[in-house]
């Protein structure tokens, strides 16, 4: 299944590690702009869709 989220903005809470990071990457690959909320002191996920 292919999902096109181009032009959409997604907020992922707890998106810097584990399942949350995987979800954030999947949204980016689908074309969404992704904002990640994370706890202070945790390294933020950085990257863009290929």
Protein backbone atom coordinates (compact mmCIF):
# COMPACT_ATOMS: atom_id res chain seq x y z
CA UNK A 1 0.00 0.00 0.00
CA UNK A 2 1.29 3.47 -0.87
CA UNK A 3 0.25 6.50 1.13
CA UNK A 4 0.80 10.03 -0.19
CA UNK A 5 1.05 12.56 2.61
CA UNK A 6 2.64 15.35 0.56
CA UNK A 7 1.57 18.72 1.94
CA UNK A 8 0.53 17.26 5.31
CA UNK A 9 2.09 18.11 8.67
CA UNK A 10 2.44 15.33 11.24
CA UNK A 11 3.33 15.59 14.94
CA UNK A 12 4.94 12.49 16.42
CA UNK A 13 5.29 12.43 20.21
CA UNK A 14 8.14 10.32 21.56
CA UNK A 15 9.54 10.12 18.04
CA UNK A 16 13.27 10.07 18.67
CA UNK A 17 13.80 6.36 19.35
CA UNK A 18 12.26 2.96 18.79
CA UNK A 19 8.74 2.73 17.45
CA UNK A 20 8.22 6.52 17.46
CA UNK A 21 11.31 7.07 15.30
CA UNK A 22 10.15 4.38 12.88
CA UNK A 23 6.75 6.03 12.61
CA UNK A 24 8.35 9.45 12.02
CA UNK A 25 10.57 8.02 9.24
CA UNK A 26 7.58 6.31 7.62
CA UNK A 27 5.65 9.59 7.56
CA UNK A 28 8.68 11.38 6.05
CA UNK A 29 8.99 8.71 3.36
CA UNK A 30 5.30 9.24 2.57
CA UNK A 31 6.04 12.93 1.92
CA UNK A 32 4.80 14.53 5.15
CA UNK A 33 6.51 17.32 7.00
CA UNK A 34 7.25 15.77 10.39
CA UNK A 35 7.61 17.56 13.72
CA UNK A 36 8.97 15.43 16.55
CA UNK A 37 8.22 16.15 20.20
CA UNK A 38 10.78 14.69 22.57
CA UNK A 39 11.94 14.84 26.17
CA UNK A 40 14.65 17.38 27.02
CA UNK A 41 18.11 15.86 26.87
CA UNK A 42 17.22 13.32 24.19
CA UNK A 43 18.98 13.68 20.86
CA UNK A 44 16.48 14.78 18.22
CA UNK A 45 15.81 12.69 15.15
CA UNK A 46 17.17 14.49 12.12
CA UNK A 47 16.69 13.69 8.50
CA UNK A 48 14.62 14.06 5.43
CA UNK A 49 12.90 11.63 3.14
CA UNK A 50 15.10 10.17 0.39
